[in-house]
Amino acid sequence: MGLLGQLFEKKTDAEKRREAEAKEIKKEAREDRKEARQDTREDKREVRQEARDDKKEARQEKRDAMKEIRQSDLKGEEKREAKADARDEKKDAIRAVKDDKRDNLDQIQDTKKDTIEDIRLQENQDLAAASAPGPRKLDITLAKELLNLTWNVETGQTFDGFELRGGTIGGVREISGKSWKSDTECFVARSDGNDVIVAFRGSESPFTPSGGLRDWALTNFRSERIAYPPAPKSWPDQRWVHAGFWQAYQIIRNVLLTEVTRQATQMTPARRIYVTGYSLGGALALLAALDIAEGMTAIDKADGKGTIPVELFTFAAPRVGDANLNNLLAERVNKSTLIAYGGDPVVHLPPLGPNFPITFEHPISLDLAGIHIGLGTPIIPQAGQQYRTADTLFYIDKDGIVSNSYPMAQVSLNFVDHYPENYQVALKKVGEAQGMNSGLTSTHTTTAKTT
């Protein structure tokens, strides 16, 4: 194949993303079918054991009845009839046990068939959605669950007992680290559905002594770039990261990775690892997701049991690094999602700086034969360095309309749109539009104004 043929055969980022998502959907469906079959085997085993116990009990009752008859004053025909009645009662009891066992096994088998059929139907629907061109669909249920969870993290509360993907979260471990520059806190837990969750706290209020100094002056506002330490490269492939976010993350990095590895590699390996956070917490979550995904790949190479997928899901997160860092994110993490709302300015910060181009959706562009070519912005040239905080963006406007890009040339200066309450309202509108009536179940009403 010539150079021209290779050029046209090369898959686009969207095609690669759809293929990766389809692969993940199929893998998840296989695991769900395997789990359904295992549940069926266990249920059948319990039914059979219960039937054996019931039959054993019926035989013992017959022996006890025979003993009473022998020790009774009954004689002759009356005694023989009593013994016959005891034997018939035993036979009837065992026959009833067998009938119940057969009915229960049939019901279990029918349930398994229905469950596997539902899994196949969901798999086909998900594959169709993944392969369809156009905007991606927001998983509103997951978004609501994770937003509820991050809200509790923002106020220092636990999320023990919270629901996640059909499972219940338990055994939450808090990990925190402090220095004179940063104060970082995150939580790691595992659900009984075998999902691991990592959630980062955002900034404390700028009006508190610790929050105003550490989280804001020495972390959020320390926006100069530094070389991304874990994966150094030379120019022009050097990766750059926000200095303040990196310093805040690295003080808990080793302890966090040890705990995630412990919870993910138990006797039953984790099904998936979710990494999430709101605002500053979302920025730290991105850095953690990069490390966790690399660690899961290394473990797979060592034991060959398969890589545990890592998904990044953030809300109102600021920029963390340059385009090269985002390319690394796309390579390592199975799926990454950012939810941005209305005129929230934080998702566009820091606005300027080397390799930190402003987040315009290419106001100046050309479309040639269906190929979109961004030419930059009226302020600074982007030269192919269009910034992305996640592989998939879900931008929600004031009317609850979802799109996969920011509005053309939007300048966002309304900090009120950064408040979590507005993200709650936005997700509620999206859920209503998708025909879902379930609301958020946040355990508090505190206004968490974080970055």
Protein backbone atom coordinates (compact mmCIF):
# COMPACT_ATOMS: atom_id res chain seq x y z
CA MET A 1 0.00 0.00 0.00
CA GLY A 2 1.42 3.36 -0.99
CA LEU A 3 1.75 6.45 1.14
CA LEU A 4 -1.50 7.92 -0.20
CA GLY A 5 -3.35 4.69 0.56
CA GLN A 6 -1.97 4.63 4.10
CA LEU A 7 -3.08 8.21 4.57
CA PHE A 8 -6.67 7.43 3.61
CA GLU A 9 -6.66 4.14 5.54
CA LYS A 10 -5.60 5.88 8.74
CA LYS A 11 -8.42 5.92 11.26
CA THR A 12 -9.61 9.16 12.75
CA ASP A 13 -9.60 9.80 16.49
CA ALA A 14 -13.38 9.43 16.51
CA GLU A 15 -13.17 6.05 14.78
CA LYS A 16 -10.51 4.86 17.21
CA ARG A 17 -12.60 6.06 20.12
CA ARG A 18 -15.71 4.27 18.82
CA GLU A 19 -13.74 1.05 18.30
CA ALA A 20 -12.29 1.24 21.82
CA GLU A 21 -15.72 1.91 23.28
CA ALA A 22 -17.23 -0.99 21.33
CA LYS A 23 -14.50 -3.27 22.64
CA GLU A 24 -15.20 -2.14 26.18
CA ILE A 25 -18.97 -2.65 25.73
CA LYS A 26 -18.42 -6.21 24.50
CA LYS A 27 -16.04 -6.96 27.35
CA GLU A 28 -18.49 -5.64 29.93
CA ALA A 29 -21.32 -7.66 28.38
CA ARG A 30 -19.20 -10.82 28.50
CA GLU A 31 -18.42 -10.19 32.16
CA ASP A 32 -22.10 -9.56 32.92
CA ARG A 33 -23.13 -12.79 31.17
CA LYS A 34 -20.42 -14.69 33.04
CA GLU A 35 -21.65 -13.22 36.31
CA ALA A 36 -25.26 -14.12 35.46
CA ARG A 37 -24.27 -17.73 34.74
CA GLN A 38 -22.25 -17.91 37.95
CA ASP A 39 -25.21 -16.55 39.93
CA THR A 40 -27.41 -19.18 38.31
CA ARG A 41 -25.04 -21.98 39.25
CA GLU A 42 -24.91 -20.75 42.85
CA ASP A 43 -28.71 -20.42 43.04
CA LYS A 44 -29.17 -23.94 41.66
CA ARG A 45 -26.62 -25.28 44.11
CA GLU A 46 -28.55 -23.70 46.97
CA VAL A 47 -31.86 -25.12 45.73
CA ARG A 48 -30.42 -28.63 45.40
CA GLN A 49 -28.84 -28.46 48.84
CA GLU A 50 -32.10 -27.22 50.34
CA ALA A 51 -33.96 -30.09 48.64
CA ARG A 52 -31.47 -32.62 50.03
CA ASP A 53 -31.91 -31.17 53.50
CA ASP A 54 -35.71 -31.27 53.20
CA LYS A 55 -35.66 -34.90 52.03
CA LYS A 56 -33.32 -35.80 54.86
CA GLU A 57 -35.69 -34.11 57.29
CA ALA A 58 -38.69 -36.01 55.81
CA ARG A 59 -36.90 -39.34 56.22
CA GLN A 60 -35.95 -38.48 59.79
CA GLU A 61 -39.55 -37.55 60.57
CA LYS A 62 -40.64 -40.92 59.13
CA ARG A 63 -38.12 -42.75 61.35
CA ASP A 64 -39.28 -40.80 64.38
CA ALA A 65 -42.91 -41.64 63.56
CA MET A 66 -42.06 -45.33 63.14
CA LYS A 67 -40.29 -45.33 66.51
CA GLU A 68 -43.32 -43.80 68.20
CA ILE A 69 -45.58 -46.37 66.57
CA ARG A 70 -43.39 -49.24 67.74
CA GLN A 71 -43.37 -47.86 71.26
CA SER A 72 -47.12 -47.23 71.22
CA ASP A 73 -49.91 -49.54 72.41
CA LEU A 74 -51.15 -50.00 68.85
CA LYS A 75 -51.49 -53.59 67.73
CA GLY A 76 -52.32 -55.61 64.64
CA GLU A 77 -54.06 -53.94 61.76
CA GLU A 78 -54.18 -50.56 63.49
CA LYS A 79 -50.40 -50.59 63.93
CA ARG A 80 -49.82 -51.60 60.27
CA GLU A 81 -52.07 -48.77 59.08
CA ALA A 82 -50.19 -46.26 61.21
CA LYS A 83 -46.90 -47.40 59.72
CA ALA A 84 -48.35 -47.19 56.19
CA ASP A 85 -49.58 -43.66 56.90
CA ALA A 86 -46.09 -42.66 58.09
CA ARG A 87 -44.52 -44.07 54.93
CA ASP A 88 -47.09 -42.30 52.73
CA GLU A 89 -46.45 -39.00 54.53
CA LYS A 90 -42.74 -39.41 53.87
CA LYS A 91 -43.37 -40.16 50.20
CA ASP A 92 -45.69 -37.18 49.86
CA ALA A 93 -43.19 -34.89 51.59
CA ILE A 94 -40.33 -36.05 49.35
CA ARG A 95 -42.54 -35.74 46.26
CA ALA A 96 -43.41 -32.15 47.27
CA VAL A 97 -39.72 -31.40 47.81
CA LYS A 98 -38.90 -32.74 44.34
CA ASP A 99 -41.72 -30.73 42.76
CA ASP A 100 -40.59 -27.55 44.53
CA LYS A 101 -37.00 -28.22 43.49
CA ARG A 102 -38.03 -28.68 39.85
CA ASP A 103 -40.14 -25.50 39.89
CA ASN A 104 -37.35 -23.47 41.53
CA LEU A 105 -34.74 -24.75 39.07
CA ASP A 106 -37.01 -23.94 36.14
CA GLN A 107 -37.60 -20.45 37.52
CA ILE A 108 -33.88 -19.89 38.01
CA GLN A 109 -33.17 -21.07 34.47
CA ASP A 110 -35.87 -18.78 33.05
CA THR A 111 -34.45 -15.86 35.04
CA LYS A 112 -30.99 -16.57 33.68
CA LYS A 113 -32.31 -16.64 30.11
CA ASP A 114 -34.15 -13.35 30.63
CA THR A 115 -31.07 -11.74 32.25
CA ILE A 116 -28.75 -12.83 29.44
CA GLU A 117 -31.27 -11.68 26.86
CA ASP A 118 -31.46 -8.27 28.59
CA ILE A 119 -27.65 -8.10 28.62
CA ARG A 120 -27.50 -8.89 24.90
CA LEU A 121 -30.19 -6.33 24.14
CA GLN A 122 -28.36 -3.67 26.17
CA GLU A 123 -25.09 -4.62 24.47
CA ASN A 124 -26.63 -4.17 21.02
CA GLN A 125 -28.14 -0.83 22.01
CA ASP A 126 -24.83 0.38 23.46
CA LEU A 127 -22.92 -0.80 20.39
CA ALA A 128 -25.37 1.00 18.12
CA ALA A 129 -25.02 4.18 20.16
CA ALA A 130 -21.22 3.89 20.17
CA SER A 131 -21.00 3.40 16.41
CA ALA A 132 -23.50 6.09 15.52
CA PRO A 133 -22.03 9.33 14.18
CA GLY A 134 -22.85 12.61 15.83
CA PRO A 135 -22.91 13.73 19.47
CA ARG A 136 -22.20 11.23 22.24
CA LYS A 137 -25.00 10.53 24.70
CA LEU A 138 -24.46 11.45 28.33
CA ASP A 139 -24.86 8.58 30.81
CA ILE A 140 -27.14 10.62 33.04
CA THR A 141 -27.49 7.93 35.72
CA LEU A 142 -23.73 7.66 36.21
CA ALA A 143 -23.37 11.46 36.10
CA LYS A 144 -25.96 11.91 38.86
CA GLU A 145 -24.41 9.21 41.02
CA LEU A 146 -20.92 10.68 40.73
CA LEU A 147 -22.10 14.26 41.27
CA ASN A 148 -23.89 13.15 44.46
CA LEU A 149 -20.71 11.46 45.58
CA THR A 150 -18.44 14.43 44.84
CA TRP A 151 -20.79 16.76 46.71
CA ASN A 152 -20.33 14.72 49.86
CA VAL A 153 -16.57 14.76 49.35
CA GLU A 154 -16.69 18.57 49.05
CA THR A 155 -18.17 18.83 52.55
CA GLY A 156 -15.92 16.20 54.11
CA GLN A 157 -18.67 13.60 54.47
CA THR A 158 -18.35 9.91 53.71
CA PHE A 159 -20.16 8.25 50.83
CA ASP A 160 -20.57 4.87 52.50
CA GLY A 161 -23.86 3.39 51.33
CA PHE A 162 -24.04 5.42 48.12
CA GLU A 163 -25.19 3.64 44.97
CA LEU A 164 -22.83 3.21 42.02
CA ARG A 165 -23.73 1.26 38.87
CA GLY A 166 -26.17 -0.98 40.72
CA GLY A 167 -23.81 -1.65 43.65
CA THR A 168 -23.49 -0.17 47.13
CA ILE A 169 -20.26 1.56 48.17
CA GLY A 170 -18.57 0.58 51.42
CA GLY A 171 -15.25 0.63 53.23
CA VAL A 172 -14.34 4.21 52.31
CA ARG A 173 -10.74 5.14 53.09
CA GLU A 174 -9.70 8.77 53.38
CA ILE A 175 -6.28 9.79 52.07
CA SER A 176 -4.95 13.27 52.82
CA GLY A 177 -1.70 15.15 52.59
CA LYS A 178 -0.63 18.63 53.61
CA SER A 179 2.31 20.86 52.95
CA TRP A 180 2.73 24.58 53.32
CA LYS A 181 1.76 24.85 49.65
CA SER A 182 -1.12 22.38 49.27
CA ASP A 183 -3.83 20.58 51.21
CA THR A 184 -5.11 17.55 49.28
CA GLU A 185 -7.82 15.09 50.24
CA CYS A 186 -9.33 12.14 48.40
CA PHE A 187 -11.32 9.02 49.17
CA VAL A 188 -11.00 5.46 47.85
CA ALA A 189 -13.71 2.84 48.17
CA ARG A 190 -15.15 -0.25 46.52
CA SER A 191 -18.76 -1.21 45.82
CA ASP A 192 -20.27 -4.65 46.22
CA GLY A 193 -20.64 -4.54 42.44
CA ASN A 194 -16.80 -4.68 42.30
CA ASP A 195 -16.29 -1.11 41.09
CA VAL A 196 -13.53 0.96 42.71
CA ILE A 197 -14.15 4.68 43.11
CA VAL A 198 -11.55 7.42 43.67
CA ALA A 199 -12.96 10.86 44.50
CA PHE A 200 -11.02 14.10 45.08
CA ARG A 201 -12.10 17.11 47.13
CA GLY A 202 -12.07 20.47 45.39
CA SER A 203 -10.85 23.78 46.78
CA GLU A 204 -11.87 24.99 50.19
CA SER A 205 -13.47 28.41 50.41
CA PRO A 206 -11.03 31.21 49.49
CA PHE A 207 -12.29 33.08 52.54
CA THR A 208 -10.84 30.57 55.01
CA PRO A 209 -7.18 30.89 56.08
CA SER A 210 -6.10 27.49 54.77
CA GLY A 211 -8.31 27.54 51.68
CA GLY A 212 -7.38 31.06 50.65
CA LEU A 213 -3.66 30.41 50.95
CA ARG A 214 -3.07 26.77 50.05
CA ASP A 215 -5.89 25.92 47.63
CA TRP A 216 -6.07 29.26 45.88
CA ALA A 217 -2.91 31.35 46.12
CA LEU A 218 -0.43 28.44 46.09
CA THR A 219 -2.32 25.84 44.02
CA ASN A 220 -5.00 27.21 41.69
CA PHE A 221 -3.14 30.44 40.89
CA ARG A 222 0.24 28.77 40.49
CA SER A 223 -0.51 28.13 36.83
CA GLU A 224 2.96 28.18 35.30
CA ARG A 225 3.78 25.04 33.38
CA ILE A 226 6.32 22.43 34.44
CA ALA A 227 7.47 19.30 32.65
CA TYR A 228 5.21 16.35 33.45
CA PRO A 229 7.53 14.36 35.75
CA PRO A 230 6.28 10.75 35.33
CA ALA A 231 6.68 10.70 31.54
CA PRO A 232 9.48 13.07 30.48
CA LYS A 233 10.11 13.66 26.80
CA SER A 234 12.28 16.04 24.89
CA TRP A 235 11.08 18.87 22.69
CA PRO A 236 8.86 18.93 20.65
CA ASP A 237 7.09 16.03 22.39
CA GLN A 238 7.57 17.40 25.92
CA ARG A 239 4.46 17.13 28.06
CA TRP A 240 3.53 20.06 30.28
CA VAL A 241 1.39 20.20 33.40
CA HIS A 242 -0.06 22.93 35.64
CA ALA A 243 2.52 23.37 38.43
CA GLY A 244 0.01 23.99 41.23
CA PHE A 245 -2.14 20.97 40.39
CA TRP A 246 0.90 18.70 40.18
CA GLN A 247 2.27 19.80 43.56
CA ALA A 248 -1.15 19.22 45.14
CA TYR A 249 -1.43 15.75 43.63
CA GLN A 250 2.07 14.47 44.28
CA ILE A 251 1.84 14.83 48.09
CA ILE A 252 -0.71 11.97 48.22
CA ARG A 253 0.35 10.17 45.04
CA ASN A 254 2.22 7.17 46.48
CA VAL A 255 -0.28 6.42 49.25
CA LEU A 256 -3.18 6.77 46.81
CA LEU A 257 -1.72 4.41 44.20
CA THR A 258 -0.94 1.79 46.87
CA GLU A 259 -4.52 1.90 48.20
CA VAL A 260 -6.13 1.79 44.74
CA THR A 261 -3.97 -1.20 43.81
CA ARG A 262 -4.94 -2.97 47.04
CA GLN A 263 -8.67 -2.45 46.51
CA ALA A 264 -8.61 -3.21 42.78
CA THR A 265 -6.59 -6.45 43.00
CA GLN A 266 -8.49 -8.35 45.67
CA MET A 267 -9.42 -12.02 45.25
CA THR A 268 -12.19 -10.84 42.93
CA PRO A 269 -10.53 -8.19 40.72
CA ALA A 270 -12.32 -4.89 40.29
CA ARG A 271 -14.64 -4.61 37.32
CA ARG A 272 -13.75 -0.96 36.73
CA ILE A 273 -12.06 1.99 38.42
CA TYR A 274 -13.85 5.35 38.38
CA VAL A 275 -11.82 8.48 39.13
CA THR A 276 -13.84 11.63 39.74
CA GLY A 277 -13.77 15.09 41.23
CA TYR A 278 -15.40 18.49 41.10
CA SER A 279 -13.46 21.61 40.01
CA LEU A 280 -9.93 21.39 41.49
CA GLY A 281 -10.85 17.82 42.43
CA GLY A 282 -11.42 17.09 38.75
CA ALA A 283 -7.96 18.38 37.85
CA LEU A 284 -6.36 16.14 40.47
CA ALA A 285 -8.52 13.24 39.31
CA LEU A 286 -7.05 13.53 35.81
CA LEU A 287 -3.50 13.23 37.13
CA ALA A 288 -4.51 10.27 39.29
CA ALA A 289 -6.26 8.54 36.37
CA LEU A 290 -3.06 8.73 34.31
CA ASP A 291 -1.09 6.99 37.07
CA ILE A 292 -3.76 4.44 37.96
CA ALA A 293 -4.25 3.38 34.34
CA GLU A 294 -0.52 2.94 33.89
CA GLY A 295 -0.38 0.89 37.10
CA MET A 296 -3.22 -1.41 36.00
CA THR A 297 -1.45 -2.03 32.68
CA ALA A 298 1.77 -2.93 34.51
CA ILE A 299 -0.11 -5.36 36.78
CA ASP A 300 -1.69 -7.02 33.74
CA LYS A 301 1.74 -7.51 32.17
CA ALA A 302 2.92 -9.15 35.39
CA ASP A 303 0.01 -11.52 36.06
CA GLY A 304 -1.75 -11.72 32.67
CA LYS A 305 -5.23 -11.54 34.22
CA GLY A 306 -6.40 -8.62 32.08
CA THR A 307 -6.22 -4.87 32.50
CA ILE A 308 -8.81 -3.30 34.80
CA PRO A 309 -10.36 -0.40 32.84
CA VAL A 310 -10.03 3.11 34.25
CA GLU A 311 -12.65 5.81 33.59
CA LEU A 312 -12.21 9.51 34.36
CA PHE A 313 -15.43 11.45 34.98
CA THR A 314 -15.09 15.07 36.13
CA PHE A 315 -17.28 18.10 36.71
CA ALA A 316 -16.33 21.76 36.17
CA ALA A 317 -12.64 20.84 36.00
CA PRO A 318 -9.99 23.37 34.97
CA ARG A 319 -7.18 22.68 32.52
CA VAL A 320 -4.40 20.44 33.73
CA GLY A 321 -1.87 20.26 30.92
CA ASP A 322 -1.16 20.70 27.25
CA ALA A 323 -2.28 18.74 24.19
CA ASN A 324 0.56 16.22 24.55
CA LEU A 325 -0.60 15.41 28.09
CA ASN A 326 -4.12 14.93 26.81
CA ASN A 327 -2.83 12.58 24.11
CA LEU A 328 -1.26 10.53 26.91
CA LEU A 329 -4.61 10.54 28.72
CA ALA A 330 -6.34 9.19 25.60
CA GLU A 331 -3.72 6.44 25.30
CA ARG A 332 -3.95 5.24 28.90
CA VAL A 333 -7.47 5.82 30.15
CA ASN A 334 -10.34 3.80 28.71
CA LYS A 335 -12.79 6.68 28.84
CA SER A 336 -12.59 10.28 30.03
CA THR A 337 -15.53 12.66 30.42
CA LEU A 338 -15.87 16.29 31.45
CA ILE A 339 -19.22 17.93 32.22
CA ALA A 340 -19.28 21.71 31.83
CA TYR A 341 -22.26 23.98 32.40
CA GLY A 342 -23.38 27.32 30.99
CA GLY A 343 -20.97 30.18 31.52
CA ASP A 344 -18.75 28.39 34.04
CA PRO A 345 -15.35 30.07 33.58
CA VAL A 346 -13.34 27.47 35.48
CA VAL A 347 -13.40 24.94 32.64
CA HIS A 348 -11.54 27.56 30.53
CA LEU A 349 -8.80 28.25 33.10
CA PRO A 350 -5.93 28.98 32.98
CA PRO A 351 -6.81 31.11 29.93
CA LEU A 352 -3.41 31.83 28.40
CA GLY A 353 0.21 30.76 28.57
CA PRO A 354 2.70 28.59 26.67
CA ASN A 355 0.91 25.52 25.34
CA PHE A 356 -2.26 26.56 27.19
CA PRO A 357 -4.35 27.97 24.32
CA ILE A 358 -7.74 29.42 25.11
CA THR A 359 -10.67 27.08 24.77
CA PHE A 360 -12.44 28.32 21.68
CA GLU A 361 -13.95 25.84 19.28
CA HIS A 362 -11.89 27.20 16.39
CA PRO A 363 -13.82 30.40 15.53
CA ILE A 364 -11.69 30.58 12.39
CA SER A 365 -11.77 27.33 10.46
CA LEU A 366 -12.10 25.73 7.06
CA ASP A 367 -14.05 22.69 5.95
CA LEU A 368 -12.43 20.94 3.00
CA ALA A 369 -14.11 17.80 1.69
CA GLY A 370 -15.56 17.11 5.12
CA ILE A 371 -12.25 17.64 6.91
CA HIS A 372 -12.42 20.26 9.67
CA ILE A 373 -9.25 22.34 9.90
CA GLY A 374 -8.91 24.70 12.87
CA LEU A 375 -6.94 27.81 12.07
CA GLY A 376 -6.77 29.19 15.60
CA THR A 377 -8.46 32.13 17.27
CA PRO A 378 -8.37 35.90 16.80
CA ILE A 379 -6.22 36.15 19.97
CA ILE A 380 -3.48 33.53 19.63
CA PRO A 381 -2.71 30.86 17.05
CA GLN A 382 -3.39 27.33 18.26
CA ALA A 383 -1.22 25.47 15.74
CA GLY A 384 -2.93 22.14 16.35
CA GLN A 385 -2.79 22.52 20.12
CA GLN A 386 -6.55 22.78 20.74
CA TYR A 387 -6.93 22.03 24.42
CA ARG A 388 -9.01 19.13 25.74
CA THR A 389 -9.52 18.29 29.40
CA ALA A 390 -11.12 14.93 28.53
CA ASP A 391 -11.73 12.75 25.52
CA THR A 392 -15.46 13.54 25.62
CA LEU A 393 -16.96 16.88 26.60
CA PHE A 394 -20.61 17.24 27.57
CA TYR A 395 -21.44 20.94 27.56
CA ILE A 396 -24.89 21.66 29.03
CA ASP A 397 -26.47 25.04 28.29
CA LYS A 398 -29.05 26.89 30.39
CA ASP A 399 -31.90 25.05 28.64
CA GLY A 400 -30.45 21.62 29.38
CA ILE A 401 -29.31 21.05 25.80
CA VAL A 402 -26.21 18.84 25.64
CA SER A 403 -23.48 19.11 23.02
CA ASN A 404 -19.96 17.78 22.64
CA SER A 405 -18.30 21.17 22.19
CA TYR A 406 -18.35 24.60 23.73
CA PRO A 407 -20.34 27.37 22.06
CA MET A 408 -18.48 29.09 19.27
CA ALA A 409 -16.15 31.79 20.66
CA GLN A 410 -17.86 31.85 24.04
CA VAL A 411 -16.30 34.08 26.68
CA SER A 412 -17.35 32.73 30.08
CA LEU A 413 -17.31 35.18 32.95
CA ASN A 414 -20.26 34.07 35.09
CA PHE A 415 -18.75 32.36 38.16
CA VAL A 416 -22.23 31.64 39.54
CA ASP A 417 -22.51 28.93 36.86
CA HIS A 418 -19.65 27.13 38.61
CA TYR A 419 -21.74 26.44 41.72
CA PRO A 420 -22.66 22.76 42.18
CA GLU A 421 -26.36 23.60 42.53
CA ASN A 422 -26.40 24.72 38.91
CA TYR A 423 -24.77 21.48 37.79
CA GLN A 424 -27.46 19.64 39.75
CA VAL A 425 -30.20 21.56 37.98
CA ALA A 426 -28.52 21.01 34.62
CA LEU A 427 -28.34 17.24 35.09
CA LYS A 428 -31.95 17.20 36.23
CA LYS A 429 -33.00 18.92 33.02
CA VAL A 430 -30.97 16.49 30.94
CA GLY A 431 -32.50 13.56 32.82
CA GLU A 432 -35.99 14.88 32.19
CA ALA A 433 -35.17 15.31 28.52
CA GLN A 434 -34.00 11.68 28.42
CA GLY A 435 -37.24 10.57 30.02
CA MET A 436 -35.79 9.92 33.46
CA ASN A 437 -37.60 11.04 36.58
CA SER A 438 -35.06 10.03 39.21
CA GLY A 439 -33.58 13.02 41.01
CA LEU A 440 -30.36 13.68 42.85
CA THR A 441 -30.28 12.38 46.41
CA SER A 442 -27.61 14.59 47.89
CA THR A 443 -27.39 14.24 51.64
CA HIS A 444 -26.82 17.94 52.22
CA THR A 445 -27.72 21.34 50.83
CA THR A 446 -24.45 23.15 51.44
CA THR A 447 -23.34 25.51 48.70
CA ALA A 448 -19.86 24.33 47.73
CA LYS A 449 -18.25 27.17 45.81
CA THR A 450 -15.06 25.48 44.70
CA THR A 451 -12.48 25.62 42.00
